[in-house]
């Protein structure tokens, strides 16, 4: 049965869409059939990450009952199936989200995982994504403001009649600085498991400017390895060290014993 996983955040600017897009690409490496859907209808960004600027049909067309959802699914060069939202402000009017979860279940019945890139915060769009999902992944930075807003989201979810399972938190843009909260402090504050973390990595922006995703880049990077580890955990696979990991481990040991 398809798993609908909502990737969300308590506030904007934490890297939620970066996580959703790269996680979708990485999950495919574990033989999962995956789709990523842009549920951030008013300020959509998924299309930008996948270089899909001018898709003739989008999620908005489906929500306006103009087309079937299948008509708005596009195959990215990575092999990932993507449903972008419209970049036009005019397309946010007259949308109908009734029964959206059931519709997603029907259309993506033969998929393993569908990732929803939610709007941040606690607005109407964010609530729609939460209620349309089976599971929720929060994205945070290692600072108090993003954690406080996630705590607010948790309290709202507790009031839902049918609640998504809280998978845990992905900590993004970790710099390993003394002024950052540690993984243990974040876990204690939120009382949720830390699924993993993604280090601050300039290769994320460099890949974006090349119109590709770091998870599908041929250039190895710390963030790429982090995405594969996260994907393995979510897919229920063991993450095996690649040659790249072994090289880094050997270099680290050499420095320690130098």
C-alpha atoms as a PDB file:
ATOM      1  CA  UNK A   1       0.000   0.000   0.000  1.00  0.00           C
ATOM      2  CA  UNK A   2       1.272   3.467  -0.873  1.00  0.00           C
ATOM      3  CA  UNK A   3       2.677   5.596   1.945  1.00  0.00           C
ATOM      4  CA  UNK A   4       1.818   9.300   1.728  1.00  0.00           C
ATOM      5  CA  UNK A   5       4.541  11.186   3.594  1.00  0.00           C
ATOM      6  CA  UNK A   6       4.133  14.877   4.299  1.00  0.00           C
ATOM      7  CA  UNK A   7       7.400  16.833   4.526  1.00  0.00           C
ATOM      8  CA  UNK A   8       6.594  19.942   6.501  1.00  0.00           C
ATOM      9  CA  UNK A   9       8.050  22.601   8.764  1.00  0.00           C
ATOM     10  CA  UNK A  10       6.887  24.988  11.426  1.00  0.00           C
ATOM     11  CA  UNK A  11       8.364  27.960   9.565  1.00  0.00           C
ATOM     12  CA  UNK A  12       9.672  28.840   6.140  1.00  0.00           C
ATOM     13  CA  UNK A  13      13.308  28.976   5.121  1.00  0.00           C
ATOM     14  CA  UNK A  14      14.493  25.769   6.822  1.00  0.00           C
ATOM     15  CA  UNK A  15      15.060  23.861   3.554  1.00  0.00           C
ATOM     16  CA  UNK A  16      11.871  21.804   3.475  1.00  0.00           C
ATOM     17  CA  UNK A  17      11.565  21.693  -0.322  1.00  0.00           C
ATOM     18  CA  UNK A  18      15.248  20.821  -0.683  1.00  0.00           C
ATOM     19  CA  UNK A  19      14.662  17.851   1.615  1.00  0.00           C
ATOM     20  CA  UNK A  20      11.470  16.737  -0.148  1.00  0.00           C
ATOM     21  CA  UNK A  21      12.970  16.892  -3.639  1.00  0.00           C
ATOM     22  CA  UNK A  22      16.281  15.199  -2.852  1.00  0.00           C
ATOM     23  CA  UNK A  23      14.665  12.592  -0.635  1.00  0.00           C
ATOM     24  CA  UNK A  24      12.365  11.638  -3.500  1.00  0.00           C
ATOM     25  CA  UNK A  25      15.325  11.117  -5.824  1.00  0.00           C
ATOM     26  CA  UNK A  26      17.299   9.181  -3.199  1.00  0.00           C
ATOM     27  CA  UNK A  27      14.395   6.839  -2.380  1.00  0.00           C
ATOM     28  CA  UNK A  28      14.378   5.608  -5.960  1.00  0.00           C
ATOM     29  CA  UNK A  29      17.860   4.190  -5.453  1.00  0.00           C
ATOM     30  CA  UNK A  30      16.269   1.679  -3.083  1.00  0.00           C
ATOM     31  CA  UNK A  31      13.936   0.401  -5.811  1.00  0.00           C
ATOM     32  CA  UNK A  32      10.974   2.426  -4.615  1.00  0.00           C
ATOM     33  CA  UNK A  33       8.400   3.854  -6.991  1.00  0.00           C
ATOM     34  CA  UNK A  34       8.120   7.452  -5.813  1.00  0.00           C
ATOM     35  CA  UNK A  35       6.234  10.623  -6.652  1.00  0.00           C
ATOM     36  CA  UNK A  36       6.725  14.123  -5.257  1.00  0.00           C
ATOM     37  CA  UNK A  37       3.750  16.475  -5.198  1.00  0.00           C
ATOM     38  CA  UNK A  38       3.916  20.224  -4.625  1.00  0.00           C
ATOM     39  CA  UNK A  39       1.290  20.937  -1.952  1.00  0.00           C
ATOM     40  CA  UNK A  40       2.552  24.480  -1.410  1.00  0.00           C
ATOM     41  CA  UNK A  41      -0.073  25.865  -3.748  1.00  0.00           C
ATOM     42  CA  UNK A  42       0.311  29.615  -3.218  1.00  0.00           C
ATOM     43  CA  UNK A  43       4.127  29.726  -3.152  1.00  0.00           C
ATOM     44  CA  UNK A  44       5.068  26.645  -5.141  1.00  0.00           C
ATOM     45  CA  UNK A  45       8.739  25.748  -5.592  1.00  0.00           C
ATOM     46  CA  UNK A  46       8.995  22.063  -6.526  1.00  0.00           C
ATOM     47  CA  UNK A  47       8.772  22.909 -10.234  1.00  0.00           C
ATOM     48  CA  UNK A  48      11.831  25.141  -9.867  1.00  0.00           C
ATOM     49  CA  UNK A  49      13.850  22.371  -8.253  1.00  0.00           C
ATOM     50  CA  UNK A  50      13.038  19.949 -11.062  1.00  0.00           C
ATOM     51  CA  UNK A  51      13.436  22.508 -13.863  1.00  0.00           C
ATOM     52  CA  UNK A  52       9.710  22.333 -14.638  1.00  0.00           C
ATOM     53  CA  UNK A  53       8.900  25.990 -15.148  1.00  0.00           C
ATOM     54  CA  UNK A  54       6.263  25.791 -17.852  1.00  0.00           C
ATOM     55  CA  UNK A  55       4.246  22.642 -17.318  1.00  0.00           C
ATOM     56  CA  UNK A  56       0.942  23.003 -19.202  1.00  0.00           C
ATOM     57  CA  UNK A  57      -1.002  21.126 -16.513  1.00  0.00           C
ATOM     58  CA  UNK A  58      -0.387  21.256 -12.758  1.00  0.00           C
ATOM     59  CA  UNK A  59      -1.889  20.224  -9.448  1.00  0.00           C
ATOM     60  CA  UNK A  60      -3.923  23.428  -9.580  1.00  0.00           C
ATOM     61  CA  UNK A  61      -5.702  22.274 -12.733  1.00  0.00           C
ATOM     62  CA  UNK A  62      -6.640  19.048 -10.991  1.00  0.00           C
ATOM     63  CA  UNK A  63      -7.857  20.877  -7.868  1.00  0.00           C
ATOM     64  CA  UNK A  64      -9.993  23.073 -10.102  1.00  0.00           C
ATOM     65  CA  UNK A  65     -11.573  19.927 -11.603  1.00  0.00           C
ATOM     66  CA  UNK A  66     -10.209  20.743 -15.047  1.00  0.00           C
ATOM     67  CA  UNK A  67      -8.120  17.594 -15.601  1.00  0.00           C
ATOM     68  CA  UNK A  68      -7.381  14.203 -14.097  1.00  0.00           C
ATOM     69  CA  UNK A  69      -4.495  14.067 -11.625  1.00  0.00           C
ATOM     70  CA  UNK A  70      -2.729  11.586 -13.908  1.00  0.00           C
ATOM     71  CA  UNK A  71      -2.522  14.337 -16.542  1.00  0.00           C
ATOM     72  CA  UNK A  72      -0.396  16.499 -14.219  1.00  0.00           C
ATOM     73  CA  UNK A  73       2.248  13.840 -13.491  1.00  0.00           C
ATOM     74  CA  UNK A  74       5.595  14.467 -15.204  1.00  0.00           C
ATOM     75  CA  UNK A  75       8.639  12.233 -15.463  1.00  0.00           C
ATOM     76  CA  UNK A  76      11.829  14.002 -14.386  1.00  0.00           C
ATOM     77  CA  UNK A  77      15.156  13.060 -16.007  1.00  0.00           C
ATOM     78  CA  UNK A  78      16.086  11.329 -12.734  1.00  0.00           C
ATOM     79  CA  UNK A  79      13.149   8.980 -13.265  1.00  0.00           C
ATOM     80  CA  UNK A  80      11.146  10.539 -10.447  1.00  0.00           C
ATOM     81  CA  UNK A  81       7.457  11.306 -11.014  1.00  0.00           C
ATOM     82  CA  UNK A  82       6.613  14.900 -10.149  1.00  0.00           C
ATOM     83  CA  UNK A  83       3.328  16.801  -9.804  1.00  0.00           C
ATOM     84  CA  UNK A  84       4.184  20.523  -9.823  1.00  0.00           C
ATOM     85  CA  UNK A  85       1.886  23.294  -8.695  1.00  0.00           C
ATOM     86  CA  UNK A  86       1.284  26.354 -10.814  1.00  0.00           C
ATOM     87  CA  UNK A  87       3.550  29.391 -10.511  1.00  0.00           C
ATOM     88  CA  UNK A  88       0.659  31.664 -11.562  1.00  0.00           C
ATOM     89  CA  UNK A  89      -1.209  33.463  -8.779  1.00  0.00           C
ATOM     90  CA  UNK A  90      -4.391  33.364 -10.864  1.00  0.00           C
ATOM     91  CA  UNK A  91      -4.425  29.567 -10.567  1.00  0.00           C
ATOM     92  CA  UNK A  92      -4.987  29.478  -6.805  1.00  0.00           C
ATOM     93  CA  UNK A  93      -8.657  30.447  -7.045  1.00  0.00           C
ATOM     94  CA  UNK A  94     -11.560  27.982  -7.192  1.00  0.00           C
ATOM     95  CA  UNK A  95      -9.572  24.992  -5.988  1.00  0.00           C
ATOM     96  CA  UNK A  96     -11.377  22.017  -4.464  1.00  0.00           C
ATOM     97  CA  UNK A  97      -9.498  19.867  -1.929  1.00  0.00           C
ATOM     98  CA  UNK A  98     -12.412  17.720  -0.802  1.00  0.00           C
ATOM     99  CA  UNK A  99     -11.550  14.042  -0.593  1.00  0.00           C
ATOM    100  CA  UNK A 100      -7.965  14.708  -1.629  1.00  0.00           C
ATOM    101  CA  UNK A 101      -6.448  11.882   0.411  1.00  0.00           C
ATOM    102  CA  UNK A 102      -8.747   9.285  -1.133  1.00  0.00           C
ATOM    103  CA  UNK A 103      -7.958  10.605  -4.615  1.00  0.00           C
ATOM    104  CA  UNK A 104      -4.215  10.380  -3.964  1.00  0.00           C
ATOM    105  CA  UNK A 105      -4.616   6.811  -2.739  1.00  0.00           C
ATOM    106  CA  UNK A 106      -6.480   5.862  -5.910  1.00  0.00           C
ATOM    107  CA  UNK A 107      -4.172   7.501  -8.436  1.00  0.00           C
ATOM    108  CA  UNK A 108      -0.945   6.392  -6.751  1.00  0.00           C
ATOM    109  CA  UNK A 109      -2.129   2.964  -5.623  1.00  0.00           C
ATOM    110  CA  UNK A 110       0.765   1.188  -7.357  1.00  0.00           C
ATOM    111  CA  UNK A 111       3.427   3.511  -5.902  1.00  0.00           C
ATOM    112  CA  UNK A 112       5.488   2.814  -2.812  1.00  0.00           C
ATOM    113  CA  UNK A 113       5.853   6.372  -1.525  1.00  0.00           C
ATOM    114  CA  UNK A 114       4.284   9.728  -2.341  1.00  0.00           C
ATOM    115  CA  UNK A 115       6.000  12.758  -0.838  1.00  0.00           C
ATOM    116  CA  UNK A 116       3.996  15.925  -0.265  1.00  0.00           C
ATOM    117  CA  UNK A 117       5.981  19.149  -0.134  1.00  0.00           C
ATOM    118  CA  UNK A 118       3.798  21.078   2.275  1.00  0.00           C
ATOM    119  CA  UNK A 119       3.400  24.775   2.809  1.00  0.00           C
ATOM    120  CA  UNK A 120       5.225  25.846   6.007  1.00  0.00           C
ATOM    121  CA  UNK A 121       3.474  26.804   9.208  1.00  0.00           C
ATOM    122  CA  UNK A 122      -0.123  26.304  10.232  1.00  0.00           C
ATOM    123  CA  UNK A 123      -2.086  27.882   7.384  1.00  0.00           C
ATOM    124  CA  UNK A 124      -4.868  26.266   5.373  1.00  0.00           C
ATOM    125  CA  UNK A 125      -2.549  24.656   2.822  1.00  0.00           C
ATOM    126  CA  UNK A 126      -0.362  23.151   5.536  1.00  0.00           C
ATOM    127  CA  UNK A 127      -3.437  21.690   7.221  1.00  0.00           C
ATOM    128  CA  UNK A 128      -4.625  20.161   3.936  1.00  0.00           C
ATOM    129  CA  UNK A 129      -1.267  18.422   3.456  1.00  0.00           C
ATOM    130  CA  UNK A 130      -1.243  17.120   7.021  1.00  0.00           C
ATOM    131  CA  UNK A 131      -4.718  15.656   6.704  1.00  0.00           C
ATOM    132  CA  UNK A 132      -3.932  14.145   3.303  1.00  0.00           C
ATOM    133  CA  UNK A 133      -0.918  12.234   4.614  1.00  0.00           C
ATOM    134  CA  UNK A 134      -0.323   8.948   6.408  1.00  0.00           C
ATOM    135  CA  UNK A 135       2.981  10.023   7.920  1.00  0.00           C
ATOM    136  CA  UNK A 136       4.681  13.304   8.719  1.00  0.00           C
ATOM    137  CA  UNK A 137       8.336  14.312   8.604  1.00  0.00           C
ATOM    138  CA  UNK A 138       9.299  17.634  10.141  1.00  0.00           C
ATOM    139  CA  UNK A 139      12.266  19.635   8.865  1.00  0.00           C
ATOM    140  CA  UNK A 140      14.075  21.903  11.307  1.00  0.00           C
ATOM    141  CA  UNK A 141      17.298  23.840  11.661  1.00  0.00           C
ATOM    142  CA  UNK A 142      19.339  23.469  14.866  1.00  0.00           C
ATOM    143  CA  UNK A 143      17.905  26.655  16.394  1.00  0.00           C
ATOM    144  CA  UNK A 144      15.064  27.343  18.836  1.00  0.00           C
ATOM    145  CA  UNK A 145      12.618  29.252  16.518  1.00  0.00           C
ATOM    146  CA  UNK A 146      12.103  26.348  14.102  1.00  0.00           C
ATOM    147  CA  UNK A 147      11.656  23.928  17.009  1.00  0.00           C
ATOM    148  CA  UNK A 148       9.047  26.097  18.735  1.00  0.00           C
ATOM    149  CA  UNK A 149       6.975  26.216  15.564  1.00  0.00           C
ATOM    150  CA  UNK A 150       7.172  22.430  15.147  1.00  0.00           C
ATOM    151  CA  UNK A 151       5.911  22.060  18.707  1.00  0.00           C
ATOM    152  CA  UNK A 152       2.893  24.184  17.757  1.00  0.00           C
ATOM    153  CA  UNK A 153       2.254  21.935  14.745  1.00  0.00           C
ATOM    154  CA  UNK A 154       2.353  18.871  16.981  1.00  0.00           C
ATOM    155  CA  UNK A 155      -0.349  20.307  19.235  1.00  0.00           C
ATOM    156  CA  UNK A 156      -2.564  21.011  16.219  1.00  0.00           C
ATOM    157  CA  UNK A 157      -2.109  17.469  14.862  1.00  0.00           C
ATOM    158  CA  UNK A 158      -3.171  16.028  18.221  1.00  0.00           C
ATOM    159  CA  UNK A 159      -6.612  17.560  17.642  1.00  0.00           C
ATOM    160  CA  UNK A 160      -7.113  15.765  14.311  1.00  0.00           C
ATOM    161  CA  UNK A 161      -9.694  12.994  14.297  1.00  0.00           C
ATOM    162  CA  UNK A 162      -7.408  10.921  12.047  1.00  0.00           C
ATOM    163  CA  UNK A 163      -3.783  11.738  12.803  1.00  0.00           C
ATOM    164  CA  UNK A 164      -0.777  11.084  10.576  1.00  0.00           C
ATOM    165  CA  UNK A 165       2.009   9.078  12.158  1.00  0.00           C
ATOM    166  CA  UNK A 166       4.841  11.352  13.288  1.00  0.00           C
ATOM    167  CA  UNK A 167       7.978   9.808  11.774  1.00  0.00           C
ATOM    168  CA  UNK A 168      10.308  12.319  13.372  1.00  0.00           C
ATOM    169  CA  UNK A 169      12.565  15.229  12.515  1.00  0.00           C
ATOM    170  CA  UNK A 170      15.214  15.829   9.874  1.00  0.00           C
ATOM    171  CA  UNK A 171      17.680  18.488  11.016  1.00  0.00           C
ATOM    172  CA  UNK A 172      18.864  20.473   8.010  1.00  0.00           C
ATOM    173  CA  UNK A 173      21.836  22.776   7.385  1.00  0.00           C
ATOM    174  CA  UNK A 174      23.909  21.515  10.287  1.00  0.00           C
ATOM    175  CA  UNK A 175      27.264  23.315  10.616  1.00  0.00           C
ATOM    176  CA  UNK A 176      28.538  21.610  13.789  1.00  0.00           C
ATOM    177  CA  UNK A 177      29.074  24.949  15.497  1.00  0.00           C
ATOM    178  CA  UNK A 178      29.053  25.396  19.266  1.00  0.00           C
ATOM    179  CA  UNK A 179      26.142  27.818  19.072  1.00  0.00           C
ATOM    180  CA  UNK A 180      23.881  25.200  17.448  1.00  0.00           C
ATOM    181  CA  UNK A 181      21.593  22.914  19.401  1.00  0.00           C
ATOM    182  CA  UNK A 182      22.820  19.334  19.539  1.00  0.00           C
ATOM    183  CA  UNK A 183      20.803  16.396  18.210  1.00  0.00           C
ATOM    184  CA  UNK A 184      20.158  15.300  21.813  1.00  0.00           C
ATOM    185  CA  UNK A 185      18.845  18.743  22.782  1.00  0.00           C
ATOM    186  CA  UNK A 186      16.551  18.850  19.737  1.00  0.00           C
ATOM    187  CA  UNK A 187      15.175  15.402  20.490  1.00  0.00           C
ATOM    188  CA  UNK A 188      14.548  16.276  24.131  1.00  0.00           C
ATOM    189  CA  UNK A 189      12.847  19.548  23.232  1.00  0.00           C
ATOM    190  CA  UNK A 190      10.484  18.033  20.646  1.00  0.00           C
ATOM    191  CA  UNK A 191      10.124  14.595  22.254  1.00  0.00           C
ATOM    192  CA  UNK A 192      10.424  13.122  18.772  1.00  0.00           C
ATOM    193  CA  UNK A 193      13.080  10.925  17.182  1.00  0.00           C
ATOM    194  CA  UNK A 194      15.746  12.486  14.972  1.00  0.00           C
ATOM    195  CA  UNK A 195      15.577  10.608  11.667  1.00  0.00           C
ATOM    196  CA  UNK A 196      18.864  12.102  10.529  1.00  0.00           C
ATOM    197  CA  UNK A 197      20.551  15.338   9.585  1.00  0.00           C
ATOM    198  CA  UNK A 198      21.855  17.075   6.462  1.00  0.00           C
ATOM    199  CA  UNK A 199      25.053  19.116   6.765  1.00  0.00           C
ATOM    200  CA  UNK A 200      25.434  22.617   5.371  1.00  0.00           C
ATOM    201  CA  UNK A 201      26.819  22.048   1.897  1.00  0.00           C
ATOM    202  CA  UNK A 202      27.449  24.557  -0.895  1.00  0.00           C
ATOM    203  CA  UNK A 203      27.000  21.731  -3.388  1.00  0.00           C
ATOM    204  CA  UNK A 204      23.226  21.929  -2.757  1.00  0.00           C
ATOM    205  CA  UNK A 205      23.080  25.448  -4.220  1.00  0.00           C
ATOM    206  CA  UNK A 206      25.671  24.666  -6.881  1.00  0.00           C
ATOM    207  CA  UNK A 207      23.577  21.728  -8.105  1.00  0.00           C
ATOM    208  CA  UNK A 208      20.399  23.816  -8.081  1.00  0.00           C
ATOM    209  CA  UNK A 209      22.034  26.472 -10.254  1.00  0.00           C
ATOM    210  CA  UNK A 210      23.038  23.720 -12.686  1.00  0.00           C
ATOM    211  CA  UNK A 211      19.360  22.668 -12.821  1.00  0.00           C
ATOM    212  CA  UNK A 212      19.977  19.374 -11.094  1.00  0.00           C
ATOM    213  CA  UNK A 213      19.553  17.924  -7.610  1.00  0.00           C
ATOM    214  CA  UNK A 214      22.457  17.102  -5.352  1.00  0.00           C
ATOM    215  CA  UNK A 215      21.023  13.605  -4.761  1.00  0.00           C
ATOM    216  CA  UNK A 216      21.331  12.807  -8.475  1.00  0.00           C
ATOM    217  CA  UNK A 217      24.613  14.658  -9.035  1.00  0.00           C
ATOM    218  CA  UNK A 218      27.670  12.693 -10.202  1.00  0.00           C
ATOM    219  CA  UNK A 219      29.755  14.762  -7.809  1.00  0.00           C
ATOM    220  CA  UNK A 220      29.918  13.176  -4.374  1.00  0.00           C
ATOM    221  CA  UNK A 221      29.178  15.468  -1.460  1.00  0.00           C
ATOM    222  CA  UNK A 222      28.359  15.260   2.273  1.00  0.00           C
ATOM    223  CA  UNK A 223      24.739  16.278   1.685  1.00  0.00           C
ATOM    224  CA  UNK A 224      24.292  13.629  -1.014  1.00  0.00           C
ATOM    225  CA  UNK A 225      25.456  10.919   1.374  1.00  0.00           C
ATOM    226  CA  UNK A 226      23.099  12.290   4.027  1.00  0.00           C
ATOM    227  CA  UNK A 227      20.119  12.049   1.681  1.00  0.00           C
ATOM    228  CA  UNK A 228      20.895   8.425   0.850  1.00  0.00           C
ATOM    229  CA  UNK A 229      21.171   7.582   4.541  1.00  0.00           C
ATOM    230  CA  UNK A 230      17.823   9.259   5.218  1.00  0.00           C
ATOM    231  CA  UNK A 231      16.203   7.458   2.293  1.00  0.00           C
ATOM    232  CA  UNK A 232      17.540   4.107   3.494  1.00  0.00           C
ATOM    233  CA  UNK A 233      16.045   4.678   6.934  1.00  0.00           C
ATOM    234  CA  UNK A 234      12.646   5.675   5.578  1.00  0.00           C
ATOM    235  CA  UNK A 235      12.616   2.806   3.074  1.00  0.00           C
ATOM    236  CA  UNK A 236      13.577   0.304   5.763  1.00  0.00           C
ATOM    237  CA  UNK A 237      16.946  -0.577   4.254  1.00  0.00           C
ATOM    238  CA  UNK A 238      20.383  -0.790   5.789  1.00  0.00           C
ATOM    239  CA  UNK A 239      22.700   1.924   4.551  1.00  0.00           C
ATOM    240  CA  UNK A 240      25.893   0.289   3.338  1.00  0.00           C
ATOM    241  CA  UNK A 241      29.057   2.326   3.166  1.00  0.00           C
ATOM    242  CA  UNK A 242      30.115   3.119  -0.345  1.00  0.00           C
ATOM    243  CA  UNK A 243      33.664   3.508  -1.538  1.00  0.00           C
ATOM    244  CA  UNK A 244      33.278   7.247  -0.945  1.00  0.00           C
ATOM    245  CA  UNK A 245      32.426   6.650   2.701  1.00  0.00           C
ATOM    246  CA  UNK A 246      35.402   4.333   3.159  1.00  0.00           C
ATOM    247  CA  UNK A 247      37.762   6.936   1.713  1.00  0.00           C
ATOM    248  CA  UNK A 248      36.436   9.573   4.110  1.00  0.00           C
ATOM    249  CA  UNK A 249      36.707   7.212   7.084  1.00  0.00           C
ATOM    250  CA  UNK A 250      40.308   6.342   6.179  1.00  0.00           C
ATOM    251  CA  UNK A 251      41.185  10.038   5.845  1.00  0.00           C
ATOM    252  CA  UNK A 252      39.574  10.788   9.205  1.00  0.00           C
ATOM    253  CA  UNK A 253      41.548   8.023  10.930  1.00  0.00           C
ATOM    254  CA  UNK A 254      44.761   9.278   9.326  1.00  0.00           C
ATOM    255  CA  UNK A 255      44.153  12.748  10.786  1.00  0.00           C
ATOM    256  CA  UNK A 256      43.331  11.326  14.215  1.00  0.00           C
ATOM    257  CA  UNK A 257      46.559   9.329  14.424  1.00  0.00           C
ATOM    258  CA  UNK A 258      48.788  11.927  12.761  1.00  0.00           C
END
